[in-house]
Each structure stands twice: as C-alpha cells, then as structure tokens.
Amino acid sequence: VTFGVGNFTLSQTVSTQFITRYTLSSVPASQVYLFTGIAKTITISATYIAPYNGTISVTAPLINGVTFCVQSGTTCSGPTGTITPSQTSVGFTAVTPPNASNPALVTGQQFIFTTSASNVSNQPSQTLSYSLQDPYTLSATAPTSLFDTATGTYSVTIKPNTVGTVTFTSTNVKLAPSATVMPSTSSVT
C-alpha cells in the first residue's frame, strides 16, 4: 500500500491473510486400519467459525483398491457428502472391491478428503494415513504320503492378521473344503 501527499510518499507492506471459515477433524483422527473386504467408517466433521454458516461439500479421495461412499441409512451413495450448521459431520464407508486380496501389509499411504464451499478461499482438507491387509492368513499342511485306501490329514490354519494396533477378531471365518480327484475315474470318501 502506498500513501502520497505532494512529493512525500510512504510505502507500507501489508501481509495477505486467508481466513478459514471452518476447520475439519475426523474419527479416526489420523490413522485408519483397514482389513480387505471389511467396511470401515470414517467420519469427517466441521467446526464452523462465525459468522460463516454455509454448506460444505466433502469429497472422498479416489484411491486404487479402496472405494468410498457416503453412508445414508443402510445404503451408500457417491463419494461426496454435505455438512451444514445443523449436520456438522458426514460418514464415509471405505471398503476394498469384491475378491480383492492384500496378503502383504500395505502401509505408508494416505487418504485426503477435500472440501468445497461458496465464498471460502482457503478450503481445508483432512489427511489420514492408512494401512491395509487381508484379515487373516491361511496355511495348509497336506499329508506327506497317500496311497490307495489310505487316510491322511489335511490341516488348514487360520491366523488373524494385525494391522497397526488392530487384530482381526471375527469368529465368522468359514472354511469350505472341496476336493478334485485326478484321474476323474477315481473317488474320494
């Protein structure tokens, strides 16, 4: 800014300040632990800074291997949700695609939820780190030698995986054994 009177000039540098009209927070706060095939809820909340009272759109990221949708009752719809002064949070469901497999731990990745709102020049975003792995590991031990009319034990071990500080704890893991007989003229009992 420059002020002048006659031959006298006074220059003053004025810093530009962006005003944030709202801040964001989330649950979980910073780290998301995901298991393949199991939905995880992520809630994004806004705290309004007076006098702002506009509508805020929150958009989930596009991540390869993880799909997001906005929770609406028992259904999910699209990757963008709305926050208003009377509804200050929006819930997203994160889930891997059907038949996805993540046997090795994926870590060091981030989700970035972005926002948009009218008349807001400095629009905050919410960044969360995430880790992802299959909920359990299967290992099998086959009989070492089987002959005609012999019996043997084929054992399968189901070991729950731990992602970060969360260990998979479902008791609903079901194993459906099946057998293929070679040659096809033989049988298994």
N, C-alpha and C. Protein backbone atom coordinates (compact mmCIF):
# COMPACT_ATOMS: atom_id res chain seq x y z
N VAL A 1 0.86 -1.15 0.00
CA VAL A 1 0.00 0.00 0.00
C VAL A 1 0.91 1.22 0.00
N THR A 2 0.60 2.19 -0.84
CA THR A 2 1.40 3.41 -0.91
C THR A 2 0.51 4.61 -0.66
N PHE A 3 0.97 5.50 0.24
CA PHE A 3 0.27 6.75 0.53
C PHE A 3 1.15 7.89 0.03
N GLY A 4 0.56 8.92 -0.54
CA GLY A 4 1.38 10.03 -1.02
C GLY A 4 0.67 11.36 -0.86
N VAL A 5 1.45 12.39 -0.51
CA VAL A 5 0.97 13.76 -0.44
C VAL A 5 2.08 14.63 -1.03
N GLY A 6 1.81 15.29 -2.13
CA GLY A 6 2.83 16.11 -2.78
C GLY A 6 4.02 15.26 -3.17
N ASN A 7 5.23 15.71 -2.74
CA ASN A 7 6.44 14.95 -3.06
C ASN A 7 6.76 13.87 -2.02
N PHE A 8 5.93 13.73 -1.03
CA PHE A 8 6.17 12.77 0.04
C PHE A 8 5.39 11.47 -0.24
N THR A 9 6.08 10.31 -0.19
CA THR A 9 5.46 9.01 -0.41
C THR A 9 5.83 8.09 0.74
N LEU A 10 4.84 7.38 1.23
CA LEU A 10 5.07 6.41 2.31
C LEU A 10 4.56 5.05 1.83
N SER A 11 5.45 4.08 1.77
CA SER A 11 5.06 2.72 1.35
C SER A 11 4.97 1.82 2.57
N GLN A 12 3.99 1.00 2.60
CA GLN A 12 3.79 0.07 3.72
C GLN A 12 3.42 -1.28 3.13
N THR A 13 4.11 -2.34 3.54
CA THR A 13 3.77 -3.69 3.10
C THR A 13 2.77 -4.27 4.07
N VAL A 14 1.66 -4.76 3.51
CA VAL A 14 0.61 -5.36 4.32
C VAL A 14 0.50 -6.82 3.93
N SER A 15 0.62 -7.70 4.88
CA SER A 15 0.53 -9.13 4.57
C SER A 15 -0.91 -9.53 4.26
N THR A 16 -1.02 -10.48 3.35
CA THR A 16 -2.33 -11.01 2.99
C THR A 16 -2.66 -12.15 3.94
N GLN A 17 -3.86 -12.17 4.40
CA GLN A 17 -4.26 -13.22 5.32
C GLN A 17 -5.50 -13.92 4.77
N PHE A 18 -5.41 -15.25 4.66
CA PHE A 18 -6.57 -16.02 4.23
C PHE A 18 -7.35 -16.41 5.48
N ILE A 19 -8.62 -16.22 5.41
CA ILE A 19 -9.45 -16.55 6.55
C ILE A 19 -10.12 -17.89 6.29
N THR A 20 -9.93 -18.80 7.21
CA THR A 20 -10.57 -20.10 7.12
C THR A 20 -11.93 -19.98 7.80
N ARG A 21 -12.95 -20.41 7.10
CA ARG A 21 -14.32 -20.29 7.62
C ARG A 21 -14.75 -21.50 8.45
N TYR A 22 -13.94 -22.59 8.38
CA TYR A 22 -14.25 -23.80 9.14
C TYR A 22 -12.98 -24.63 9.25
N THR A 23 -12.96 -25.49 10.25
CA THR A 23 -11.86 -26.44 10.40
C THR A 23 -12.43 -27.85 10.33
N LEU A 24 -11.58 -28.81 10.03
CA LEU A 24 -12.02 -30.20 9.92
C LEU A 24 -11.34 -31.08 10.95
N SER A 25 -12.04 -32.13 11.31
CA SER A 25 -11.48 -33.19 12.16
C SER A 25 -12.09 -34.50 11.68
N SER A 26 -11.58 -35.61 12.20
CA SER A 26 -12.09 -36.90 11.75
C SER A 26 -12.00 -37.94 12.86
N VAL A 27 -12.79 -38.98 12.69
CA VAL A 27 -12.72 -40.19 13.52
C VAL A 27 -12.65 -41.35 12.53
N PRO A 28 -11.54 -42.09 12.56
CA PRO A 28 -10.35 -41.95 13.38
C PRO A 28 -9.61 -40.64 13.07
N ALA A 29 -8.81 -40.20 14.03
CA ALA A 29 -8.19 -38.88 13.96
C ALA A 29 -7.06 -38.78 12.94
N SER A 30 -6.23 -39.83 12.82
CA SER A 30 -5.09 -39.70 11.90
C SER A 30 -4.73 -40.99 11.18
N GLN A 31 -4.99 -42.14 11.77
CA GLN A 31 -4.58 -43.42 11.20
C GLN A 31 -5.80 -44.33 11.03
N VAL A 32 -5.98 -44.86 9.82
CA VAL A 32 -7.09 -45.76 9.51
C VAL A 32 -6.51 -47.15 9.27
N TYR A 33 -7.04 -48.14 9.98
CA TYR A 33 -6.61 -49.52 9.80
C TYR A 33 -7.72 -50.26 9.07
N LEU A 34 -7.40 -50.80 7.88
CA LEU A 34 -8.39 -51.48 7.04
C LEU A 34 -8.03 -52.95 6.86
N PHE A 35 -9.07 -53.79 6.87
CA PHE A 35 -8.91 -55.19 6.50
C PHE A 35 -9.64 -55.40 5.18
N THR A 36 -9.03 -56.14 4.27
CA THR A 36 -9.61 -56.42 2.97
C THR A 36 -11.02 -56.98 3.14
N GLY A 37 -11.98 -56.40 2.41
CA GLY A 37 -13.35 -56.91 2.40
C GLY A 37 -14.21 -56.51 3.57
N ILE A 38 -13.68 -55.75 4.52
CA ILE A 38 -14.44 -55.36 5.70
C ILE A 38 -14.58 -53.84 5.71
N ALA A 39 -15.83 -53.38 5.74
CA ALA A 39 -16.10 -51.94 5.69
C ALA A 39 -15.58 -51.23 6.94
N LYS A 40 -15.10 -50.02 6.74
CA LYS A 40 -14.61 -49.18 7.84
C LYS A 40 -15.28 -47.81 7.71
N THR A 41 -15.81 -47.30 8.81
CA THR A 41 -16.44 -45.98 8.82
C THR A 41 -15.42 -44.90 9.15
N ILE A 42 -15.43 -43.84 8.36
CA ILE A 42 -14.59 -42.67 8.60
C ILE A 42 -15.54 -41.48 8.65
N THR A 43 -15.53 -40.75 9.76
CA THR A 43 -16.42 -39.60 9.92
C THR A 43 -15.62 -38.32 9.83
N ILE A 44 -16.03 -37.43 8.94
CA ILE A 44 -15.40 -36.12 8.79
C ILE A 44 -16.35 -35.08 9.40
N SER A 45 -15.82 -34.25 10.29
CA SER A 45 -16.63 -33.22 10.97
C SER A 45 -16.05 -31.84 10.70
N ALA A 46 -16.93 -30.85 10.70
CA ALA A 46 -16.51 -29.46 10.52
C ALA A 46 -16.90 -28.65 11.74
N THR A 47 -16.01 -27.75 12.12
CA THR A 47 -16.31 -26.76 13.16
C THR A 47 -16.38 -25.41 12.46
N TYR A 48 -17.56 -24.79 12.51
CA TYR A 48 -17.77 -23.51 11.83
C TYR A 48 -17.13 -22.38 12.63
N ILE A 49 -16.57 -21.42 11.91
CA ILE A 49 -16.01 -20.22 12.52
C ILE A 49 -16.95 -19.07 12.16
N ALA A 50 -17.57 -18.47 13.19
CA ALA A 50 -18.57 -17.42 12.99
C ALA A 50 -17.95 -16.26 12.22
N PRO A 51 -18.70 -15.64 11.37
CA PRO A 51 -20.14 -15.76 11.16
C PRO A 51 -20.49 -16.74 10.04
N TYR A 52 -19.52 -17.51 9.53
CA TYR A 52 -19.80 -18.39 8.40
C TYR A 52 -20.84 -19.45 8.77
N ASN A 53 -21.80 -19.69 7.87
CA ASN A 53 -22.83 -20.71 8.11
C ASN A 53 -23.26 -21.37 6.80
N GLY A 54 -22.34 -21.48 5.86
CA GLY A 54 -22.66 -22.07 4.56
C GLY A 54 -22.58 -23.58 4.54
N THR A 55 -22.96 -24.15 3.41
CA THR A 55 -22.91 -25.60 3.19
C THR A 55 -21.51 -25.97 2.71
N ILE A 56 -21.00 -27.08 3.24
CA ILE A 56 -19.67 -27.58 2.89
C ILE A 56 -19.83 -28.94 2.22
N SER A 57 -19.23 -29.09 1.04
CA SER A 57 -19.20 -30.39 0.38
C SER A 57 -17.88 -31.07 0.71
N VAL A 58 -17.95 -32.33 1.12
CA VAL A 58 -16.75 -33.11 1.45
C VAL A 58 -16.68 -34.25 0.45
N THR A 59 -15.53 -34.37 -0.22
CA THR A 59 -15.36 -35.41 -1.23
C THR A 59 -14.25 -36.37 -0.81
N ALA A 60 -14.57 -37.66 -0.87
CA ALA A 60 -13.60 -38.71 -0.55
C ALA A 60 -12.60 -38.84 -1.70
N PRO A 61 -11.42 -39.33 -1.41
CA PRO A 61 -10.41 -39.47 -2.45
C PRO A 61 -10.71 -40.64 -3.39
N LEU A 62 -10.10 -40.59 -4.57
CA LEU A 62 -10.12 -41.73 -5.49
C LEU A 62 -8.82 -42.49 -5.26
N ILE A 63 -8.94 -43.67 -4.67
CA ILE A 63 -7.78 -44.48 -4.31
C ILE A 63 -7.91 -45.83 -5.01
N ASN A 64 -6.85 -46.26 -5.66
CA ASN A 64 -6.86 -47.58 -6.28
C ASN A 64 -6.90 -48.64 -5.19
N GLY A 65 -7.91 -49.50 -5.22
CA GLY A 65 -8.02 -50.58 -4.25
C GLY A 65 -8.91 -50.29 -3.05
N VAL A 66 -9.41 -49.04 -2.91
CA VAL A 66 -10.33 -48.70 -1.83
C VAL A 66 -11.43 -47.83 -2.42
N THR A 67 -12.67 -48.18 -2.12
CA THR A 67 -13.82 -47.42 -2.60
C THR A 67 -14.49 -46.73 -1.42
N PHE A 68 -14.93 -45.48 -1.63
CA PHE A 68 -15.61 -44.72 -0.59
C PHE A 68 -17.02 -44.40 -1.03
N CYS A 69 -17.93 -44.39 -0.08
CA CYS A 69 -19.28 -43.91 -0.34
C CYS A 69 -19.81 -43.25 0.93
N VAL A 70 -20.80 -42.38 0.75
CA VAL A 70 -21.40 -41.68 1.88
C VAL A 70 -22.48 -42.56 2.47
N GLN A 71 -22.45 -42.74 3.79
CA GLN A 71 -23.46 -43.54 4.47
C GLN A 71 -24.77 -42.77 4.51
N SER A 72 -25.83 -43.47 4.10
CA SER A 72 -27.17 -42.88 4.15
C SER A 72 -28.12 -43.98 4.59
N GLY A 73 -28.31 -44.09 5.90
CA GLY A 73 -29.12 -45.19 6.43
C GLY A 73 -28.38 -46.50 6.22
N THR A 74 -29.02 -47.42 5.50
CA THR A 74 -28.40 -48.72 5.24
C THR A 74 -27.78 -48.78 3.85
N THR A 75 -27.80 -47.68 3.11
CA THR A 75 -27.22 -47.67 1.76
C THR A 75 -26.06 -46.70 1.68
N CYS A 76 -25.30 -46.84 0.62
CA CYS A 76 -24.19 -45.94 0.35
C CYS A 76 -24.43 -45.23 -0.97
N SER A 77 -24.09 -43.95 -1.02
CA SER A 77 -24.28 -43.20 -2.25
C SER A 77 -23.10 -42.29 -2.52
N GLY A 78 -22.49 -42.39 -3.67
CA GLY A 78 -21.45 -41.49 -4.13
C GLY A 78 -20.34 -41.16 -3.15
N PRO A 79 -19.28 -40.50 -3.65
CA PRO A 79 -18.14 -40.16 -2.82
C PRO A 79 -18.19 -38.76 -2.19
N THR A 80 -19.31 -38.03 -2.35
CA THR A 80 -19.39 -36.66 -1.82
C THR A 80 -20.55 -36.53 -0.85
N GLY A 81 -20.26 -35.95 0.31
CA GLY A 81 -21.28 -35.72 1.33
C GLY A 81 -21.38 -34.25 1.65
N THR A 82 -22.41 -33.89 2.41
CA THR A 82 -22.68 -32.49 2.73
C THR A 82 -22.69 -32.27 4.23
N ILE A 83 -22.06 -31.15 4.62
CA ILE A 83 -22.06 -30.70 6.01
C ILE A 83 -22.77 -29.35 6.06
N THR A 84 -23.62 -29.18 7.07
CA THR A 84 -24.34 -27.91 7.27
C THR A 84 -24.20 -27.52 8.74
N PRO A 85 -24.59 -26.30 9.09
CA PRO A 85 -24.52 -25.92 10.51
C PRO A 85 -25.35 -26.83 11.42
N SER A 86 -26.41 -27.43 10.89
CA SER A 86 -27.23 -28.32 11.72
C SER A 86 -26.80 -29.79 11.63
N GLN A 87 -25.97 -30.14 10.66
CA GLN A 87 -25.44 -31.50 10.50
C GLN A 87 -23.95 -31.36 10.23
N THR A 88 -23.16 -31.31 11.29
CA THR A 88 -21.75 -30.92 11.16
C THR A 88 -20.78 -32.07 10.87
N SER A 89 -21.30 -33.24 10.52
CA SER A 89 -20.41 -34.34 10.14
C SER A 89 -21.04 -35.18 9.05
N VAL A 90 -20.19 -35.90 8.35
CA VAL A 90 -20.65 -36.82 7.30
C VAL A 90 -19.83 -38.10 7.45
N GLY A 91 -20.53 -39.24 7.35
CA GLY A 91 -19.87 -40.54 7.48
C GLY A 91 -19.59 -41.17 6.14
N PHE A 92 -18.39 -41.64 5.96
CA PHE A 92 -17.99 -42.34 4.74
C PHE A 92 -17.72 -43.80 5.09
N THR A 93 -18.02 -44.69 4.17
CA THR A 93 -17.65 -46.10 4.30
C THR A 93 -16.52 -46.37 3.32
N ALA A 94 -15.44 -46.94 3.83
CA ALA A 94 -14.31 -47.34 2.99
C ALA A 94 -14.30 -48.86 2.93
N VAL A 95 -14.19 -49.40 1.72
CA VAL A 95 -14.16 -50.86 1.56
C VAL A 95 -13.36 -51.21 0.31
N THR A 96 -12.73 -52.36 0.34
CA THR A 96 -12.00 -52.84 -0.83
C THR A 96 -12.97 -53.50 -1.79
N PRO A 97 -12.63 -53.58 -3.07
CA PRO A 97 -13.52 -54.23 -4.04
C PRO A 97 -13.70 -55.72 -3.74
N PRO A 98 -14.82 -56.31 -4.23
CA PRO A 98 -15.03 -57.75 -4.04
C PRO A 98 -13.85 -58.54 -4.63
N ASN A 99 -13.49 -59.61 -3.99
CA ASN A 99 -12.41 -60.50 -4.40
C ASN A 99 -11.03 -59.86 -4.37
N ALA A 100 -10.89 -58.71 -3.71
CA ALA A 100 -9.56 -58.09 -3.57
C ALA A 100 -8.71 -58.94 -2.64
N SER A 101 -7.41 -58.86 -2.81
CA SER A 101 -6.50 -59.61 -1.96
C SER A 101 -5.31 -58.73 -1.63
N ASN A 102 -5.00 -58.62 -0.35
CA ASN A 102 -3.85 -57.86 0.12
C ASN A 102 -3.10 -58.69 1.14
N PRO A 103 -2.43 -59.77 0.69
CA PRO A 103 -1.74 -60.65 1.64
C PRO A 103 -0.59 -59.95 2.36
N ALA A 104 0.05 -59.00 1.70
CA ALA A 104 1.13 -58.25 2.34
C ALA A 104 0.57 -56.94 2.88
N LEU A 105 1.10 -56.50 3.99
CA LEU A 105 0.66 -55.26 4.62
C LEU A 105 0.99 -54.07 3.72
N VAL A 106 -0.03 -53.26 3.43
CA VAL A 106 0.15 -52.00 2.69
C VAL A 106 0.15 -50.91 3.75
N THR A 107 1.20 -50.10 3.78
CA THR A 107 1.30 -49.05 4.78
C THR A 107 1.99 -47.83 4.18
N GLY A 108 1.93 -46.71 4.89
CA GLY A 108 2.58 -45.50 4.41
C GLY A 108 1.78 -44.77 3.34
N GLN A 109 0.51 -45.08 3.19
CA GLN A 109 -0.35 -44.44 2.20
C GLN A 109 -1.25 -43.41 2.89
N GLN A 110 -1.88 -42.53 2.08
CA GLN A 110 -2.75 -41.51 2.66
C GLN A 110 -4.06 -41.36 1.89
N PHE A 111 -5.10 -41.00 2.63
CA PHE A 111 -6.38 -40.56 2.07
C PHE A 111 -6.42 -39.05 2.29
N ILE A 112 -6.89 -38.30 1.31
CA ILE A 112 -7.09 -36.86 1.50
C ILE A 112 -8.53 -36.52 1.14
N PHE A 113 -9.32 -36.16 2.15
CA PHE A 113 -10.69 -35.72 1.95
C PHE A 113 -10.66 -34.23 1.67
N THR A 114 -11.22 -33.80 0.54
CA THR A 114 -11.21 -32.38 0.17
C THR A 114 -12.58 -31.77 0.42
N THR A 115 -12.61 -30.43 0.54
CA THR A 115 -13.87 -29.73 0.76
C THR A 115 -14.02 -28.61 -0.25
N SER A 116 -15.27 -28.20 -0.44
CA SER A 116 -15.56 -27.02 -1.24
C SER A 116 -16.76 -26.34 -0.61
N ALA A 117 -16.70 -25.01 -0.60
CA ALA A 117 -17.78 -24.22 0.00
C ALA A 117 -17.78 -22.85 -0.68
N SER A 118 -18.96 -22.29 -0.90
CA SER A 118 -19.09 -20.97 -1.53
C SER A 118 -18.46 -19.90 -0.66
N ASN A 119 -17.81 -18.95 -1.32
CA ASN A 119 -17.23 -17.77 -0.66
C ASN A 119 -16.15 -18.13 0.37
N VAL A 120 -15.47 -19.25 0.17
CA VAL A 120 -14.38 -19.63 1.07
C VAL A 120 -13.13 -19.81 0.20
N SER A 121 -12.14 -18.95 0.41
CA SER A 121 -10.93 -19.01 -0.42
C SER A 121 -9.93 -20.05 0.08
N ASN A 122 -9.90 -20.29 1.37
CA ASN A 122 -8.96 -21.24 1.95
C ASN A 122 -9.75 -22.45 2.44
N GLN A 123 -9.90 -23.44 1.55
CA GLN A 123 -10.75 -24.59 1.86
C GLN A 123 -9.92 -25.73 2.44
N PRO A 124 -10.14 -26.05 3.72
CA PRO A 124 -9.33 -27.09 4.38
C PRO A 124 -9.57 -28.48 3.78
N SER A 125 -8.62 -29.37 4.02
CA SER A 125 -8.77 -30.78 3.68
C SER A 125 -8.35 -31.59 4.90
N GLN A 126 -8.72 -32.86 4.91
CA GLN A 126 -8.38 -33.74 6.03
C GLN A 126 -7.57 -34.91 5.49
N THR A 127 -6.35 -35.05 5.98
CA THR A 127 -5.44 -36.11 5.53
C THR A 127 -5.35 -37.18 6.60
N LEU A 128 -5.52 -38.43 6.17
CA LEU A 128 -5.42 -39.58 7.07
C LEU A 128 -4.46 -40.60 6.48
N SER A 129 -3.60 -41.16 7.30
CA SER A 129 -2.74 -42.26 6.86
C SER A 129 -3.54 -43.55 6.97
N TYR A 130 -3.20 -44.52 6.12
CA TYR A 130 -3.91 -45.80 6.25
C TYR A 130 -2.98 -46.98 6.03
N SER A 131 -3.39 -48.10 6.63
CA SER A 131 -2.73 -49.39 6.45
C SER A 131 -3.80 -50.39 6.08
N LEU A 132 -3.44 -51.37 5.25
CA LEU A 132 -4.41 -52.32 4.70
C LEU A 132 -3.79 -53.70 4.58
N GLN A 133 -4.55 -54.73 4.98
CA GLN A 133 -4.10 -56.11 4.80
C GLN A 133 -5.30 -57.04 4.88
N ASP A 134 -5.15 -58.24 4.31
CA ASP A 134 -6.19 -59.25 4.46
C ASP A 134 -6.42 -59.51 5.95
N PRO A 135 -7.65 -59.87 6.35
CA PRO A 135 -7.93 -60.06 7.77
C PRO A 135 -7.24 -61.29 8.38
N TYR A 136 -6.92 -62.25 7.56
CA TYR A 136 -6.29 -63.46 8.10
C TYR A 136 -5.42 -64.10 7.04
N THR A 137 -4.55 -64.99 7.49
CA THR A 137 -3.66 -65.74 6.62
C THR A 137 -4.01 -67.22 6.76
N LEU A 138 -4.07 -67.90 5.65
CA LEU A 138 -4.31 -69.35 5.65
C LEU A 138 -3.02 -70.08 5.33
N SER A 139 -2.76 -71.15 6.04
CA SER A 139 -1.65 -72.03 5.69
C SER A 139 -2.17 -73.46 5.74
N ALA A 140 -1.64 -74.28 4.87
CA ALA A 140 -2.13 -75.66 4.77
C ALA A 140 -0.98 -76.64 4.86
N THR A 141 -1.29 -77.79 5.45
CA THR A 141 -0.33 -78.90 5.53
C THR A 141 -1.01 -80.13 4.96
N ALA A 142 -0.46 -80.62 3.85
CA ALA A 142 -1.02 -81.80 3.19
C ALA A 142 -0.37 -83.06 3.74
N PRO A 143 -1.08 -84.18 3.62
CA PRO A 143 -0.46 -85.44 4.06
C PRO A 143 0.79 -85.71 3.22
N THR A 144 1.80 -86.27 3.85
CA THR A 144 3.06 -86.48 3.14
C THR A 144 3.01 -87.65 2.17
N SER A 145 2.23 -88.66 2.47
CA SER A 145 2.13 -89.78 1.53
C SER A 145 0.76 -90.43 1.66
N LEU A 146 0.08 -90.49 0.54
CA LEU A 146 -1.22 -91.16 0.50
C LEU A 146 -1.18 -92.24 -0.56
N PHE A 147 -1.71 -93.39 -0.22
CA PHE A 147 -1.78 -94.49 -1.17
C PHE A 147 -3.24 -94.91 -1.26
N ASP A 148 -3.56 -95.73 -2.26
CA ASP A 148 -4.93 -96.22 -2.39
C ASP A 148 -5.41 -96.78 -1.06
N THR A 149 -6.60 -96.45 -0.70
CA THR A 149 -7.31 -96.88 0.50
C THR A 149 -6.67 -96.37 1.81
N ALA A 150 -5.68 -95.48 1.70
CA ALA A 150 -5.06 -94.92 2.91
C ALA A 150 -5.81 -93.65 3.32
N THR A 151 -5.64 -93.25 4.55
CA THR A 151 -6.23 -91.99 5.02
C THR A 151 -5.10 -91.04 5.39
N GLY A 152 -5.42 -89.79 5.41
CA GLY A 152 -4.42 -88.79 5.79
C GLY A 152 -5.12 -87.53 6.27
N THR A 153 -4.38 -86.70 6.92
CA THR A 153 -4.94 -85.46 7.45
C THR A 153 -4.42 -84.28 6.65
N TYR A 154 -5.33 -83.46 6.20
CA TYR A 154 -5.01 -82.21 5.53
C TYR A 154 -5.44 -81.11 6.48
N SER A 155 -4.50 -80.39 7.03
CA SER A 155 -4.87 -79.38 8.03
C SER A 155 -4.71 -77.97 7.47
N VAL A 156 -5.62 -77.10 7.88
CA VAL A 156 -5.60 -75.70 7.48
C VAL A 156 -5.56 -74.86 8.75
N THR A 157 -4.63 -73.90 8.79
CA THR A 157 -4.52 -73.00 9.93
C THR A 157 -4.98 -71.61 9.50
N ILE A 158 -5.87 -71.03 10.28
CA ILE A 158 -6.35 -69.67 10.03
C ILE A 158 -5.73 -68.79 11.11
N LYS A 159 -4.88 -67.84 10.67
CA LYS A 159 -4.19 -66.96 11.62
C LYS A 159 -4.66 -65.52 11.38
N PRO A 160 -5.23 -64.88 12.41
CA PRO A 160 -5.66 -63.49 12.24
C PRO A 160 -4.46 -62.56 12.05
N ASN A 161 -4.61 -61.59 11.15
CA ASN A 161 -3.56 -60.60 10.93
C ASN A 161 -3.78 -59.39 11.82
N THR A 162 -2.70 -58.66 12.06
CA THR A 162 -2.76 -57.41 12.81
C THR A 162 -2.33 -56.27 11.90
N VAL A 163 -3.18 -55.26 11.78
CA VAL A 163 -2.87 -54.06 11.00
C VAL A 163 -2.72 -52.94 12.01
N GLY A 164 -1.50 -52.41 12.12
CA GLY A 164 -1.24 -51.38 13.13
C GLY A 164 -1.43 -51.97 14.51
N THR A 165 -2.41 -51.44 15.23
CA THR A 165 -2.69 -51.93 16.58
C THR A 165 -3.97 -52.75 16.65
N VAL A 166 -4.56 -53.06 15.47
CA VAL A 166 -5.84 -53.75 15.43
C VAL A 166 -5.65 -55.17 14.89
N THR A 167 -6.07 -56.16 15.68
CA THR A 167 -6.02 -57.55 15.25
C THR A 167 -7.42 -57.99 14.83
N PHE A 168 -7.50 -58.67 13.70
CA PHE A 168 -8.78 -59.18 13.22
C PHE A 168 -9.32 -60.18 14.24
N THR A 169 -10.60 -60.02 14.65
CA THR A 169 -11.13 -60.85 15.73
C THR A 169 -12.48 -61.49 15.42
N SER A 170 -12.82 -61.68 14.17
CA SER A 170 -14.12 -62.28 13.86
C SER A 170 -14.11 -63.78 14.13
N THR A 171 -15.25 -64.28 14.60
CA THR A 171 -15.40 -65.73 14.78
C THR A 171 -16.23 -66.32 13.63
N ASN A 172 -16.47 -65.52 12.61
CA ASN A 172 -17.31 -65.96 11.49
C ASN A 172 -16.52 -66.38 10.26
N VAL A 173 -15.27 -66.77 10.41
CA VAL A 173 -14.48 -67.24 9.29
C VAL A 173 -14.87 -68.69 9.04
N LYS A 174 -15.31 -68.97 7.82
CA LYS A 174 -15.75 -70.32 7.48
C LYS A 174 -14.88 -70.88 6.38
N LEU A 175 -14.49 -72.11 6.54
CA LEU A 175 -13.67 -72.80 5.57
C LEU A 175 -14.54 -73.86 4.90
N ALA A 176 -14.63 -73.82 3.57
CA ALA A 176 -15.45 -74.79 2.83
C ALA A 176 -14.53 -75.68 2.01
N PRO A 177 -14.17 -76.83 2.55
CA PRO A 177 -13.24 -77.70 1.82
C PRO A 177 -13.90 -78.32 0.59
N SER A 178 -13.09 -78.54 -0.42
CA SER A 178 -13.53 -79.27 -1.60
C SER A 178 -12.33 -80.04 -2.12
N ALA A 179 -12.59 -81.04 -2.93
CA ALA A 179 -11.51 -81.87 -3.44
C ALA A 179 -11.70 -82.11 -4.92
N THR A 180 -10.59 -82.17 -5.63
CA THR A 180 -10.60 -82.54 -7.04
C THR A 180 -9.81 -83.83 -7.15
N VAL A 181 -10.41 -84.83 -7.77
CA VAL A 181 -9.80 -86.15 -7.87
C VAL A 181 -9.19 -86.31 -9.25
N MET A 182 -7.94 -86.75 -9.28
CA MET A 182 -7.25 -86.99 -10.57
C MET A 182 -6.78 -88.42 -10.56
N PRO A 183 -6.93 -89.25 -11.49
CA PRO A 183 -7.79 -89.03 -12.66
C PRO A 183 -9.27 -89.03 -12.26
N SER A 184 -10.10 -88.58 -13.16
CA SER A 184 -11.52 -88.39 -12.84
C SER A 184 -12.28 -89.69 -12.60
N THR A 185 -11.67 -90.84 -12.87
CA THR A 185 -12.34 -92.12 -12.63
C THR A 185 -12.17 -92.60 -11.21
N SER A 186 -11.38 -91.90 -10.40
CA SER A 186 -11.18 -92.26 -9.01
C SER A 186 -12.21 -91.56 -8.15
N SER A 187 -12.23 -91.88 -6.87
CA SER A 187 -13.19 -91.22 -5.97
C SER A 187 -12.52 -90.90 -4.64
N VAL A 188 -13.11 -89.95 -3.93
CA VAL A 188 -12.64 -89.57 -2.61
C VAL A 188 -13.78 -89.81 -1.64
N THR A 189 -13.47 -90.39 -0.50
CA THR A 189 -14.52 -90.58 0.52
C THR A 189 -14.12 -89.90 1.80
